[in-house]
Amino acid sequence: QVQLVESGGGLVQAGGSLRLSCAASGRTFSSYNMAWFRQAPGKERAFVAAITWGGPSTWYADSVKGRFTISRDNVKNTVYLQMNNLKPEDTAVYYCAASLRDWGPSGKYGFWGQGTQVTVSS
């Protein structure tokens, strides 16, 4: 079992940056593949980025590739999403998710955080 708590969201102007954090409870965080998803108003939840348990492999949605970076610190039990050159279309609630077996956009994630709002103004 793992519990996830996101933070770092807020209001930023287009072109700006934010870093989201997802703090995980439990001693087995390092065993979990982690991901970020987002959900904009009126839209379905969409995959953003994922990272494997050991951190050597990452996967990004085309819409964020080159602008966002996912990373993790298994000592601090935290996964990060560094978001640069933000655009108004990045506005959404961002969720982190964890899975012991799956990863990537089609993975089944059994654990989710409560989400953090990111708003990008034009």
PDB file of N, CA and C in Angstrom:
ATOM      1  N   GLN A   1       0.838  -1.184   0.000  1.00  0.00           N
ATOM      2  CA  GLN A   1       0.000   0.000   0.000  1.00  0.00           C
ATOM      3  C   GLN A   1       0.875   1.235   0.000  1.00  0.00           C
ATOM      4  N   VAL A   2       0.427   2.248  -0.709  1.00  0.00           N
ATOM      5  CA  VAL A   2       1.131   3.523  -0.742  1.00  0.00           C
ATOM      6  C   VAL A   2       0.096   4.625  -0.823  1.00  0.00           C
ATOM      7  N   GLN A   3       0.342   5.689  -0.096  1.00  0.00           N
ATOM      8  CA  GLN A   3      -0.517   6.871  -0.149  1.00  0.00           C
ATOM      9  C   GLN A   3       0.264   8.014  -0.787  1.00  0.00           C
ATOM     10  N   LEU A   4      -0.418   8.763  -1.648  1.00  0.00           N
ATOM     11  CA  LEU A   4       0.235   9.780  -2.453  1.00  0.00           C
ATOM     12  C   LEU A   4      -0.371  11.152  -2.191  1.00  0.00           C
ATOM     13  N   VAL A   5       0.477  12.146  -2.042  1.00  0.00           N
ATOM     14  CA  VAL A   5       0.022  13.515  -1.813  1.00  0.00           C
ATOM     15  C   VAL A   5       0.790  14.456  -2.739  1.00  0.00           C
ATOM     16  N   GLU A   6       0.051  15.103  -3.641  1.00  0.00           N
ATOM     17  CA  GLU A   6       0.667  16.033  -4.581  1.00  0.00           C
ATOM     18  C   GLU A   6       0.731  17.444  -3.987  1.00  0.00           C
ATOM     19  N   SER A   7       1.690  18.207  -4.466  1.00  0.00           N
ATOM     20  CA  SER A   7       1.811  19.614  -4.095  1.00  0.00           C
ATOM     21  C   SER A   7       2.567  20.343  -5.190  1.00  0.00           C
ATOM     22  N   GLY A   8       2.548  21.663  -5.107  1.00  0.00           N
ATOM     23  CA  GLY A   8       3.327  22.467  -6.047  1.00  0.00           C
ATOM     24  C   GLY A   8       2.533  23.131  -7.145  1.00  0.00           C
ATOM     25  N   GLY A   9       1.242  22.842  -7.220  1.00  0.00           N
ATOM     26  CA  GLY A   9       0.437  23.479  -8.240  1.00  0.00           C
ATOM     27  C   GLY A   9       0.237  24.958  -7.948  1.00  0.00           C
ATOM     28  N   GLY A  10      -0.341  25.656  -8.914  1.00  0.00           N
ATOM     29  CA  GLY A  10      -0.602  27.078  -8.729  1.00  0.00           C
ATOM     30  C   GLY A  10      -0.921  27.762 -10.027  1.00  0.00           C
ATOM     31  N   LEU A  11      -0.891  29.086  -9.980  1.00  0.00           N
ATOM     32  CA  LEU A  11      -1.180  29.920 -11.144  1.00  0.00           C
ATOM     33  C   LEU A  11       0.135  30.462 -11.689  1.00  0.00           C
ATOM     34  N   VAL A  12       0.343  30.327 -12.983  1.00  0.00           N
ATOM     35  CA  VAL A  12       1.577  30.786 -13.604  1.00  0.00           C
ATOM     36  C   VAL A  12       1.247  31.340 -14.990  1.00  0.00           C
ATOM     37  N   GLN A  13       2.033  32.282 -15.437  1.00  0.00           N
ATOM     38  CA  GLN A  13       1.840  32.829 -16.777  1.00  0.00           C
ATOM     39  C   GLN A  13       2.437  31.900 -17.828  1.00  0.00           C
ATOM     40  N   ALA A  14       1.899  31.984 -19.016  1.00  0.00           N
ATOM     41  CA  ALA A  14       2.441  31.200 -20.120  1.00  0.00           C
ATOM     42  C   ALA A  14       3.939  31.467 -20.270  1.00  0.00           C
ATOM     43  N   GLY A  15       4.677  30.391 -20.495  1.00  0.00           N
ATOM     44  CA  GLY A  15       6.126  30.491 -20.582  1.00  0.00           C
ATOM     45  C   GLY A  15       6.833  30.263 -19.265  1.00  0.00           C
ATOM     46  N   GLY A  16       6.082  30.239 -18.187  1.00  0.00           N
ATOM     47  CA  GLY A  16       6.663  30.045 -16.873  1.00  0.00           C
ATOM     48  C   GLY A  16       6.891  28.579 -16.543  1.00  0.00           C
ATOM     49  N   SER A  17       7.325  28.353 -15.303  1.00  0.00           N
ATOM     50  CA  SER A  17       7.659  27.000 -14.849  1.00  0.00           C
ATOM     51  C   SER A  17       7.025  26.700 -13.502  1.00  0.00           C
ATOM     52  N   LEU A  18       6.780  25.436 -13.269  1.00  0.00           N
ATOM     53  CA  LEU A  18       6.342  24.930 -11.967  1.00  0.00           C
ATOM     54  C   LEU A  18       6.982  23.576 -11.754  1.00  0.00           C
ATOM     55  N   ARG A  19       7.181  23.215 -10.501  1.00  0.00           N
ATOM     56  CA  ARG A  19       7.613  21.859 -10.173  1.00  0.00           C
ATOM     57  C   ARG A  19       6.599  21.234  -9.234  1.00  0.00           C
ATOM     58  N   LEU A  20       5.999  20.159  -9.684  1.00  0.00           N
ATOM     59  CA  LEU A  20       5.074  19.400  -8.864  1.00  0.00           C
ATOM     60  C   LEU A  20       5.826  18.320  -8.104  1.00  0.00           C
ATOM     61  N   SER A  21       5.356  18.064  -6.899  1.00  0.00           N
ATOM     62  CA  SER A  21       5.917  16.993  -6.082  1.00  0.00           C
ATOM     63  C   SER A  21       4.809  16.034  -5.693  1.00  0.00           C
ATOM     64  N   CYS A  22       5.170  14.787  -5.547  1.00  0.00           N
ATOM     65  CA  CYS A  22       4.236  13.764  -5.083  1.00  0.00           C
ATOM     66  C   CYS A  22       4.956  12.973  -4.008  1.00  0.00           C
ATOM     67  N   ALA A  23       4.542  13.190  -2.775  1.00  0.00           N
ATOM     68  CA  ALA A  23       5.155  12.504  -1.642  1.00  0.00           C
ATOM     69  C   ALA A  23       4.397  11.220  -1.353  1.00  0.00           C
ATOM     70  N   ALA A  24       5.133  10.139  -1.190  1.00  0.00           N
ATOM     71  CA  ALA A  24       4.530   8.832  -0.967  1.00  0.00           C
ATOM     72  C   ALA A  24       4.845   8.330   0.421  1.00  0.00           C
ATOM     73  N   SER A  25       3.858   7.707   1.029  1.00  0.00           N
ATOM     74  CA  SER A  25       4.069   7.047   2.312  1.00  0.00           C
ATOM     75  C   SER A  25       4.451   5.600   2.061  1.00  0.00           C
ATOM     76  N   GLY A  26       4.956   4.955   3.075  1.00  0.00           N
ATOM     77  CA  GLY A  26       5.279   3.542   2.936  1.00  0.00           C
ATOM     78  C   GLY A  26       6.744   3.301   2.658  1.00  0.00           C
ATOM     79  N   ARG A  27       7.206   2.129   3.020  1.00  0.00           N
ATOM     80  CA  ARG A  27       8.615   1.800   2.907  1.00  0.00           C
ATOM     81  C   ARG A  27       8.981   1.187   1.567  1.00  0.00           C
ATOM     82  N   THR A  28       7.968   0.951   0.724  1.00  0.00           N
ATOM     83  CA  THR A  28       8.239   0.263  -0.530  1.00  0.00           C
ATOM     84  C   THR A  28       8.095   1.169  -1.736  1.00  0.00           C
ATOM     85  N   PHE A  29       8.202   2.483  -1.520  1.00  0.00           N
ATOM     86  CA  PHE A  29       8.039   3.422  -2.627  1.00  0.00           C
ATOM     87  C   PHE A  29       8.965   3.090  -3.777  1.00  0.00           C
ATOM     88  N   SER A  30      10.182   2.691  -3.470  1.00  0.00           N
ATOM     89  CA  SER A  30      11.163   2.435  -4.518  1.00  0.00           C
ATOM     90  C   SER A  30      10.780   1.272  -5.418  1.00  0.00           C
ATOM     91  N   SER A  31       9.789   0.486  -5.015  1.00  0.00           N
ATOM     92  CA  SER A  31       9.341  -0.645  -5.817  1.00  0.00           C
ATOM     93  C   SER A  31       8.289  -0.268  -6.852  1.00  0.00           C
ATOM     94  N   TYR A  32       7.750   0.939  -6.736  1.00  0.00           N
ATOM     95  CA  TYR A  32       6.629   1.353  -7.571  1.00  0.00           C
ATOM     96  C   TYR A  32       7.071   2.130  -8.803  1.00  0.00           C
ATOM     97  N   ASN A  33       6.467   1.790  -9.922  1.00  0.00           N
ATOM     98  CA  ASN A  33       6.535   2.650 -11.096  1.00  0.00           C
ATOM     99  C   ASN A  33       5.575   3.818 -10.855  1.00  0.00           C
ATOM    100  N   MET A  34       5.976   5.010 -11.243  1.00  0.00           N
ATOM    101  CA  MET A  34       5.192   6.194 -10.951  1.00  0.00           C
ATOM    102  C   MET A  34       4.819   6.930 -12.230  1.00  0.00           C
ATOM    103  N   ALA A  35       3.724   7.666 -12.159  1.00  0.00           N
ATOM    104  CA  ALA A  35       3.275   8.410 -13.336  1.00  0.00           C
ATOM    105  C   ALA A  35       2.548   9.673 -12.920  1.00  0.00           C
ATOM    106  N   TRP A  36       2.474  10.590 -13.849  1.00  0.00           N
ATOM    107  CA  TRP A  36       1.650  11.784 -13.714  1.00  0.00           C
ATOM    108  C   TRP A  36       0.585  11.753 -14.806  1.00  0.00           C
ATOM    109  N   PHE A  37      -0.636  12.084 -14.413  1.00  0.00           N
ATOM    110  CA  PHE A  37      -1.748  12.260 -15.327  1.00  0.00           C
ATOM    111  C   PHE A  37      -2.328  13.649 -15.087  1.00  0.00           C
ATOM    112  N   ARG A  38      -3.150  14.098 -16.001  1.00  0.00           N
ATOM    113  CA  ARG A  38      -3.830  15.373 -15.798  1.00  0.00           C
ATOM    114  C   ARG A  38      -5.239  15.303 -16.374  1.00  0.00           C
ATOM    115  N   GLN A  39      -6.108  16.135 -15.809  1.00  0.00           N
ATOM    116  CA  GLN A  39      -7.486  16.197 -16.287  1.00  0.00           C
ATOM    117  C   GLN A  39      -7.915  17.642 -16.375  1.00  0.00           C
ATOM    118  N   ALA A  40      -8.188  18.078 -17.586  1.00  0.00           N
ATOM    119  CA  ALA A  40      -8.667  19.433 -17.826  1.00  0.00           C
ATOM    120  C   ALA A  40     -10.189  19.440 -17.732  1.00  0.00           C
ATOM    121  N   PRO A  41     -10.786  20.591 -17.461  1.00  0.00           N
ATOM    122  CA  PRO A  41     -12.244  20.664 -17.355  1.00  0.00           C
ATOM    123  C   PRO A  41     -12.935  20.145 -18.606  1.00  0.00           C
ATOM    124  N   GLY A  42     -13.878  19.239 -18.407  1.00  0.00           N
ATOM    125  CA  GLY A  42     -14.641  18.709 -19.520  1.00  0.00           C
ATOM    126  C   GLY A  42     -13.916  17.680 -20.353  1.00  0.00           C
ATOM    127  N   LYS A  43     -12.721  17.283 -19.926  1.00  0.00           N
ATOM    128  CA  LYS A  43     -11.949  16.310 -20.691  1.00  0.00           C
ATOM    129  C   LYS A  43     -11.631  15.094 -19.844  1.00  0.00           C
ATOM    130  N   GLU A  44     -11.278  14.014 -20.517  1.00  0.00           N
ATOM    131  CA  GLU A  44     -10.891  12.810 -19.807  1.00  0.00           C
ATOM    132  C   GLU A  44      -9.467  12.959 -19.251  1.00  0.00           C
ATOM    133  N   ARG A  45      -9.191  12.172 -18.249  1.00  0.00           N
ATOM    134  CA  ARG A  45      -7.850  12.171 -17.678  1.00  0.00           C
ATOM    135  C   ARG A  45      -6.849  11.674 -18.722  1.00  0.00           C
ATOM    136  N   ALA A  46      -5.717  12.333 -18.800  1.00  0.00           N
ATOM    137  CA  ALA A  46      -4.735  12.029 -19.837  1.00  0.00           C
ATOM    138  C   ALA A  46      -3.361  11.779 -19.224  1.00  0.00           C
ATOM    139  N   PHE A  47      -2.645  10.870 -19.826  1.00  0.00           N
ATOM    140  CA  PHE A  47      -1.286  10.543 -19.397  1.00  0.00           C
ATOM    141  C   PHE A  47      -0.349  11.702 -19.687  1.00  0.00           C
ATOM    142  N   VAL A  48       0.573  11.953 -18.764  1.00  0.00           N
ATOM    143  CA  VAL A  48       1.563  13.010 -18.950  1.00  0.00           C
ATOM    144  C   VAL A  48       2.977  12.427 -19.023  1.00  0.00           C
ATOM    145  N   ALA A  49       3.354  11.675 -17.988  1.00  0.00           N
ATOM    146  CA  ALA A  49       4.719  11.142 -17.939  1.00  0.00           C
ATOM    147  C   ALA A  49       4.763   9.980 -16.960  1.00  0.00           C
ATOM    148  N   ALA A  50       5.768   9.116 -17.132  1.00  0.00           N
ATOM    149  CA  ALA A  50       5.939   7.982 -16.235  1.00  0.00           C
ATOM    150  C   ALA A  50       7.421   7.701 -16.049  1.00  0.00           C
ATOM    151  N   ILE A  51       7.730   7.041 -14.941  1.00  0.00           N
ATOM    152  CA  ILE A  51       9.109   6.680 -14.638  1.00  0.00           C
ATOM    153  C   ILE A  51       9.098   5.327 -13.950  1.00  0.00           C
ATOM    154  N   THR A  52      10.054   4.485 -14.292  1.00  0.00           N
ATOM    155  CA  THR A  52      10.111   3.165 -13.693  1.00  0.00           C
ATOM    156  C   THR A  52      10.642   3.225 -12.274  1.00  0.00           C
ATOM    157  N   TRP A  53      10.529   2.103 -11.569  1.00  0.00           N
ATOM    158  CA  TRP A  53      10.853   2.092 -10.150  1.00  0.00           C
ATOM    159  C   TRP A  53      12.292   2.514  -9.885  1.00  0.00           C
ATOM    160  N   GLY A  54      13.212   2.104 -10.775  1.00  0.00           N
ATOM    161  CA  GLY A  54      14.615   2.444 -10.575  1.00  0.00           C
ATOM    162  C   GLY A  54      14.996   3.769 -11.206  1.00  0.00           C
ATOM    163  N   GLY A  55      14.089   4.338 -11.947  1.00  0.00           N
ATOM    164  CA  GLY A  55      14.342   5.635 -12.557  1.00  0.00           C
ATOM    165  C   GLY A  55      15.129   5.649 -13.848  1.00  0.00           C
ATOM    166  N   PRO A  56      15.531   4.497 -14.385  1.00  0.00           N
ATOM    167  CA  PRO A  56      16.310   4.598 -15.616  1.00  0.00           C
ATOM    168  C   PRO A  56      15.473   4.884 -16.847  1.00  0.00           C
ATOM    169  N   SER A  57      14.179   4.567 -16.785  1.00  0.00           N
ATOM    170  CA  SER A  57      13.343   4.726 -17.965  1.00  0.00           C
ATOM    171  C   SER A  57      12.229   5.718 -17.703  1.00  0.00           C
ATOM    172  N   THR A  58      11.994   6.571 -18.688  1.00  0.00           N
ATOM    173  CA  THR A  58      10.907   7.542 -18.610  1.00  0.00           C
ATOM    174  C   THR A  58      10.102   7.509 -19.904  1.00  0.00           C
ATOM    175  N   TRP A  59       8.884   8.025 -19.810  1.00  0.00           N
ATOM    176  CA  TRP A  59       7.956   8.015 -20.957  1.00  0.00           C
ATOM    177  C   TRP A  59       7.153   9.294 -20.877  1.00  0.00           C
ATOM    178  N   TYR A  60       7.027   9.990 -21.982  1.00  0.00           N
ATOM    179  CA  TYR A  60       6.312  11.262 -21.998  1.00  0.00           C
ATOM    180  C   TYR A  60       5.237  11.284 -23.073  1.00  0.00           C
ATOM    181  N   ALA A  61       4.154  11.966 -22.778  1.00  0.00           N
ATOM    182  CA  ALA A  61       3.176  12.256 -23.806  1.00  0.00           C
ATOM    183  C   ALA A  61       3.804  13.221 -24.811  1.00  0.00           C
ATOM    184  N   ASP A  62       3.424  13.105 -26.058  1.00  0.00           N
ATOM    185  CA  ASP A  62       3.996  13.963 -27.098  1.00  0.00           C
ATOM    186  C   ASP A  62       3.777  15.439 -26.787  1.00  0.00           C
ATOM    187  N   SER A  63       2.670  15.742 -26.162  1.00  0.00           N
ATOM    188  CA  SER A  63       2.313  17.136 -25.909  1.00  0.00           C
ATOM    189  C   SER A  63       3.231  17.822 -24.902  1.00  0.00           C
ATOM    190  N   VAL A  64       3.978  17.043 -24.110  1.00  0.00           N
ATOM    191  CA  VAL A  64       4.839  17.641 -23.086  1.00  0.00           C
ATOM    192  C   VAL A  64       6.312  17.333 -23.314  1.00  0.00           C
ATOM    193  N   LYS A  65       6.599  16.502 -24.290  1.00  0.00           N
ATOM    194  CA  LYS A  65       7.979  16.092 -24.533  1.00  0.00           C
ATOM    195  C   LYS A  65       8.847  17.313 -24.822  1.00  0.00           C
ATOM    196  N   GLY A  66       9.978  17.377 -24.151  1.00  0.00           N
ATOM    197  CA  GLY A  66      10.885  18.515 -24.321  1.00  0.00           C
ATOM    198  C   GLY A  66      10.600  19.667 -23.389  1.00  0.00           C
ATOM    199  N   ARG A  67       9.450  19.647 -22.736  1.00  0.00           N
ATOM    200  CA  ARG A  67       9.095  20.725 -21.797  1.00  0.00           C
ATOM    201  C   ARG A  67       9.004  20.229 -20.357  1.00  0.00           C
ATOM    202  N   PHE A  68       8.543  18.999 -20.166  1.00  0.00           N
ATOM    203  CA  PHE A  68       8.356  18.434 -18.833  1.00  0.00           C
ATOM    204  C   PHE A  68       9.426  17.372 -18.574  1.00  0.00           C
ATOM    205  N   THR A  69       9.801  17.243 -17.307  1.00  0.00           N
ATOM    206  CA  THR A  69      10.751  16.214 -16.902  1.00  0.00           C
ATOM    207  C   THR A  69      10.255  15.538 -15.638  1.00  0.00           C
ATOM    208  N   ILE A  70      10.146  14.209 -15.692  1.00  0.00           N
ATOM    209  CA  ILE A  70       9.772  13.442 -14.513  1.00  0.00           C
ATOM    210  C   ILE A  70      11.038  12.880 -13.889  1.00  0.00           C
ATOM    211  N   SER A  71      11.071  12.893 -12.559  1.00  0.00           N
ATOM    212  CA  SER A  71      12.215  12.340 -11.835  1.00  0.00           C
ATOM    213  C   SER A  71      11.718  11.829 -10.496  1.00  0.00           C
ATOM    214  N   ARG A  72      12.590  11.104  -9.805  1.00  0.00           N
ATOM    215  CA  ARG A  72      12.196  10.563  -8.504  1.00  0.00           C
ATOM    216  C   ARG A  72      13.392  10.537  -7.588  1.00  0.00           C
ATOM    217  N   ASP A  73      13.098  10.608  -6.299  1.00  0.00           N
ATOM    218  CA  ASP A  73      14.099  10.479  -5.249  1.00  0.00           C
ATOM    219  C   ASP A  73      13.596   9.392  -4.310  1.00  0.00           C
ATOM    220  N   ASN A  74      14.179   8.221  -4.429  1.00  0.00           N
ATOM    221  CA  ASN A  74      13.696   7.086  -3.630  1.00  0.00           C
ATOM    222  C   ASN A  74      14.103   7.188  -2.167  1.00  0.00           C
ATOM    223  N   VAL A  75      15.002   8.072  -1.838  1.00  0.00           N
ATOM    224  CA  VAL A  75      15.339   8.317  -0.427  1.00  0.00           C
ATOM    225  C   VAL A  75      14.272   9.203   0.205  1.00  0.00           C
ATOM    226  N   LYS A  76      13.815  10.189  -0.547  1.00  0.00           N
ATOM    227  CA  LYS A  76      12.780  11.102  -0.040  1.00  0.00           C
ATOM    228  C   LYS A  76      11.366  10.607  -0.342  1.00  0.00           C
ATOM    229  N   ASN A  77      11.248   9.461  -1.001  1.00  0.00           N
ATOM    230  CA  ASN A  77       9.922   8.911  -1.339  1.00  0.00           C
ATOM    231  C   ASN A  77       9.085   9.929  -2.108  1.00  0.00           C
ATOM    232  N   THR A  78       9.691  10.551  -3.084  1.00  0.00           N
ATOM    233  CA  THR A  78       9.019  11.617  -3.808  1.00  0.00           C
ATOM    234  C   THR A  78       9.284  11.500  -5.305  1.00  0.00           C
ATOM    235  N   VAL A  79       8.260  11.770  -6.070  1.00  0.00           N
ATOM    236  CA  VAL A  79       8.404  11.879  -7.515  1.00  0.00           C
ATOM    237  C   VAL A  79       8.066  13.316  -7.905  1.00  0.00           C
ATOM    238  N   TYR A  80       8.775  13.823  -8.902  1.00  0.00           N
ATOM    239  CA  TYR A  80       8.650  15.211  -9.303  1.00  0.00           C
ATOM    240  C   TYR A  80       8.220  15.321 -10.761  1.00  0.00           C
ATOM    241  N   LEU A  81       7.589  16.438 -11.069  1.00  0.00           N
ATOM    242  CA  LEU A  81       7.325  16.782 -12.459  1.00  0.00           C
ATOM    243  C   LEU A  81       7.735  18.235 -12.648  1.00  0.00           C
ATOM    244  N   GLN A  82       8.867  18.427 -13.307  1.00  0.00           N
ATOM    245  CA  GLN A  82       9.326  19.766 -13.631  1.00  0.00           C
ATOM    246  C   GLN A  82       8.674  20.190 -14.935  1.00  0.00           C
ATOM    247  N   MET A  83       7.946  21.290 -14.897  1.00  0.00           N
ATOM    248  CA  MET A  83       7.194  21.756 -16.063  1.00  0.00           C
ATOM    249  C   MET A  83       7.738  23.117 -16.488  1.00  0.00           C
ATOM    250  N   ASN A  84       8.299  23.173 -17.666  1.00  0.00           N
ATOM    251  CA  ASN A  84       8.851  24.405 -18.210  1.00  0.00           C
ATOM    252  C   ASN A  84       8.069  24.845 -19.441  1.00  0.00           C
ATOM    253  N   ASN A  85       8.205  26.098 -19.784  1.00  0.00           N
ATOM    254  CA  ASN A  85       7.533  26.646 -20.957  1.00  0.00           C
ATOM    255  C   ASN A  85       6.053  26.272 -20.968  1.00  0.00           C
ATOM    256  N   LEU A  86       5.396  26.539 -19.870  1.00  0.00           N
ATOM    257  CA  LEU A  86       4.001  26.146 -19.727  1.00  0.00           C
ATOM    258  C   LEU A  86       3.108  26.918 -20.692  1.00  0.00           C
ATOM    259  N   LYS A  87       2.060  26.234 -21.132  1.00  0.00           N
ATOM    260  CA  LYS A  87       1.101  26.788 -22.072  1.00  0.00           C
ATOM    261  C   LYS A  87      -0.290  26.756 -21.449  1.00  0.00           C
ATOM    262  N   PRO A  88      -1.188  27.620 -21.908  1.00  0.00           N
ATOM    263  CA  PRO A  88      -2.553  27.597 -21.356  1.00  0.00           C
ATOM    264  C   PRO A  88      -3.210  26.222 -21.455  1.00  0.00           C
ATOM    265  N   GLU A  89      -2.880  25.468 -22.483  1.00  0.00           N
ATOM    266  CA  GLU A  89      -3.486  24.134 -22.631  1.00  0.00           C
ATOM    267  C   GLU A  89      -2.938  23.128 -21.630  1.00  0.00           C
ATOM    268  N   ASP A  90      -1.950  23.503 -20.838  1.00  0.00           N
ATOM    269  CA  ASP A  90      -1.472  22.643 -19.754  1.00  0.00           C
ATOM    270  C   ASP A  90      -2.324  22.783 -18.498  1.00  0.00           C
ATOM    271  N   THR A  91      -3.256  23.719 -18.516  1.00  0.00           N
ATOM    272  CA  THR A  91      -4.134  23.916 -17.370  1.00  0.00           C
ATOM    273  C   THR A  91      -4.949  22.661 -17.101  1.00  0.00           C
ATOM    274  N   ALA A  92      -4.868  22.161 -15.863  1.00  0.00           N
ATOM    275  CA  ALA A  92      -5.538  20.913 -15.505  1.00  0.00           C
ATOM    276  C   ALA A  92      -5.275  20.623 -14.031  1.00  0.00           C
ATOM    277  N   VAL A  93      -5.985  19.641 -13.533  1.00  0.00           N
ATOM    278  CA  VAL A  93      -5.634  19.043 -12.250  1.00  0.00           C
ATOM    279  C   VAL A  93      -4.650  17.913 -12.538  1.00  0.00           C
ATOM    280  N   TYR A  94      -3.520  17.943 -11.861  1.00  0.00           N
ATOM    281  CA  TYR A  94      -2.465  16.953 -12.075  1.00  0.00           C
ATOM    282  C   TYR A  94      -2.482  15.936 -10.939  1.00  0.00           C
ATOM    283  N   TYR A  95      -2.441  14.664 -11.335  1.00  0.00           N
ATOM    284  CA  TYR A  95      -2.483  13.563 -10.386  1.00  0.00           C
ATOM    285  C   TYR A  95      -1.229  12.714 -10.531  1.00  0.00           C
ATOM    286  N   CYS A  96      -0.702  12.240  -9.414  1.00  0.00           N
ATOM    287  CA  CYS A  96       0.334  11.218  -9.512  1.00  0.00           C
ATOM    288  C   CYS A  96      -0.294   9.861  -9.197  1.00  0.00           C
ATOM    289  N   ALA A  97       0.329   8.835  -9.727  1.00  0.00           N
ATOM    290  CA  ALA A  97      -0.197   7.488  -9.612  1.00  0.00           C
ATOM    291  C   ALA A  97       0.949   6.501  -9.474  1.00  0.00           C
ATOM    292  N   ALA A  98       0.648   5.365  -8.864  1.00  0.00           N
ATOM    293  CA  ALA A  98       1.672   4.349  -8.605  1.00  0.00           C
ATOM    294  C   ALA A  98       1.173   2.972  -9.009  1.00  0.00           C
ATOM    295  N   SER A  99       2.122   2.176  -9.504  1.00  0.00           N
ATOM    296  CA  SER A  99       1.815   0.796  -9.870  1.00  0.00           C
ATOM    297  C   SER A  99       3.026  -0.077  -9.604  1.00  0.00           C
ATOM    298  N   LEU A 100       2.790  -1.258  -9.071  1.00  0.00           N
ATOM    299  CA  LEU A 100       3.886  -2.188  -8.827  1.00  0.00           C
ATOM    300  C   LEU A 100       4.328  -2.876 -10.111  1.00  0.00           C
ATOM    301  N   ARG A 101       3.406  -3.069 -11.051  1.00  0.00           N
ATOM    302  CA  ARG A 101       3.734  -3.879 -12.229  1.00  0.00           C
ATOM    303  C   ARG A 101       3.720  -3.081 -13.532  1.00  0.00           C
ATOM    304  N   ASP A 102       2.713  -2.206 -13.681  1.00  0.00           N
ATOM    305  CA  ASP A 102       2.547  -1.514 -14.950  1.00  0.00           C
ATOM    306  C   ASP A 102       3.278  -0.184 -14.940  1.00  0.00           C
ATOM    307  N   TRP A 103       3.452   0.340 -16.152  1.00  0.00           N
ATOM    308  CA  TRP A 103       3.918   1.714 -16.272  1.00  0.00           C
ATOM    309  C   TRP A 103       3.559   2.202 -17.663  1.00  0.00           C
ATOM    310  N   GLY A 104       3.712   3.468 -17.896  1.00  0.00           N
ATOM    311  CA  GLY A 104       3.394   4.026 -19.188  1.00  0.00           C
ATOM    312  C   GLY A 104       1.942   4.441 -19.300  1.00  0.00           C
ATOM    313  N   PRO A 105       1.554   4.946 -20.465  1.00  0.00           N
ATOM    314  CA  PRO A 105       0.212   5.520 -20.634  1.00  0.00           C
ATOM    315  C   PRO A 105      -0.924   4.521 -20.506  1.00  0.00           C
ATOM    316  N   SER A 106      -0.678   3.262 -20.766  1.00  0.00           N
ATOM    317  CA  SER A 106      -1.747   2.265 -20.721  1.00  0.00           C
ATOM    318  C   SER A 106      -1.706   1.416 -19.460  1.00  0.00           C
ATOM    319  N   GLY A 107      -0.816   1.732 -18.566  1.00  0.00           N
ATOM    320  CA  GLY A 107      -0.694   0.937 -17.354  1.00  0.00           C
ATOM    321  C   GLY A 107      -1.877   1.101 -16.429  1.00  0.00           C
ATOM    322  N   LYS A 108      -2.092   0.099 -15.612  1.00  0.00           N
ATOM    323  CA  LYS A 108      -3.150   0.147 -14.608  1.00  0.00           C
ATOM    324  C   LYS A 108      -2.519   0.568 -13.288  1.00  0.00           C
ATOM    325  N   TYR A 109      -2.907   1.731 -12.823  1.00  0.00           N
ATOM    326  CA  TYR A 109      -2.338   2.288 -11.608  1.00  0.00           C
ATOM    327  C   TYR A 109      -3.329   2.126 -10.469  1.00  0.00           C
ATOM    328  N   GLY A 110      -2.907   1.477  -9.439  1.00  0.00           N
ATOM    329  CA  GLY A 110      -3.819   1.154  -8.352  1.00  0.00           C
ATOM    330  C   GLY A 110      -3.909   2.212  -7.273  1.00  0.00           C
ATOM    331  N   PHE A 111      -2.971   3.165  -7.284  1.00  0.00           N
ATOM    332  CA  PHE A 111      -2.924   4.161  -6.230  1.00  0.00           C
ATOM    333  C   PHE A 111      -2.829   5.551  -6.859  1.00  0.00           C
ATOM    334  N   TRP A 112      -3.647   6.464  -6.335  1.00  0.00           N
ATOM    335  CA  TRP A 112      -3.738   7.811  -6.884  1.00  0.00           C
ATOM    336  C   TRP A 112      -3.707   8.844  -5.763  1.00  0.00           C
ATOM    337  N   GLY A 113      -3.143  10.006  -6.086  1.00  0.00           N
ATOM    338  CA  GLY A 113      -3.228  11.126  -5.173  1.00  0.00           C
ATOM    339  C   GLY A 113      -4.517  11.902  -5.390  1.00  0.00           C
ATOM    340  N   GLN A 114      -4.674  12.964  -4.625  1.00  0.00           N
ATOM    341  CA  GLN A 114      -5.913  13.744  -4.681  1.00  0.00           C
ATOM    342  C   GLN A 114      -5.862  14.822  -5.754  1.00  0.00           C
ATOM    343  N   GLY A 115      -4.689  15.091  -6.291  1.00  0.00           N
ATOM    344  CA  GLY A 115      -4.556  16.055  -7.375  1.00  0.00           C
ATOM    345  C   GLY A 115      -4.140  17.432  -6.898  1.00  0.00           C
ATOM    346  N   THR A 116      -3.494  18.163  -7.805  1.00  0.00           N
ATOM    347  CA  THR A 116      -3.115  19.548  -7.539  1.00  0.00           C
ATOM    348  C   THR A 116      -3.415  20.370  -8.791  1.00  0.00           C
ATOM    349  N   GLN A 117      -4.003  21.540  -8.602  1.00  0.00           N
ATOM    350  CA  GLN A 117      -4.443  22.368  -9.722  1.00  0.00           C
ATOM    351  C   GLN A 117      -3.283  23.165 -10.305  1.00  0.00           C
ATOM    352  N   VAL A 118      -3.156  23.116 -11.612  1.00  0.00           N
ATOM    353  CA  VAL A 118      -2.204  23.949 -12.340  1.00  0.00           C
ATOM    354  C   VAL A 118      -3.006  24.817 -13.312  1.00  0.00           C
ATOM    355  N   THR A 119      -2.827  26.117 -13.218  1.00  0.00           N
ATOM    356  CA  THR A 119      -3.518  27.047 -14.101  1.00  0.00           C
ATOM    357  C   THR A 119      -2.487  27.927 -14.796  1.00  0.00           C
ATOM    358  N   VAL A 120      -2.538  27.921 -16.126  1.00  0.00           N
ATOM    359  CA  VAL A 120      -1.586  28.704 -16.912  1.00  0.00           C
ATOM    360  C   VAL A 120      -2.360  29.804 -17.630  1.00  0.00           C
ATOM    361  N   SER A 121      -2.031  31.038 -17.332  1.00  0.00           N
ATOM    362  CA  SER A 121      -2.727  32.163 -17.952  1.00  0.00           C
ATOM    363  C   SER A 121      -1.982  32.626 -19.200  1.00  0.00           C
ATOM    364  N   SER A 122      -2.752  33.106 -20.153  1.00  0.00           N
ATOM    365  CA  SER A 122      -2.146  33.559 -21.419  1.00  0.00           C
ATOM    366  C   SER A 122      -1.729  35.021 -21.362  1.00  0.00           C
TER     367      SER A 122
END
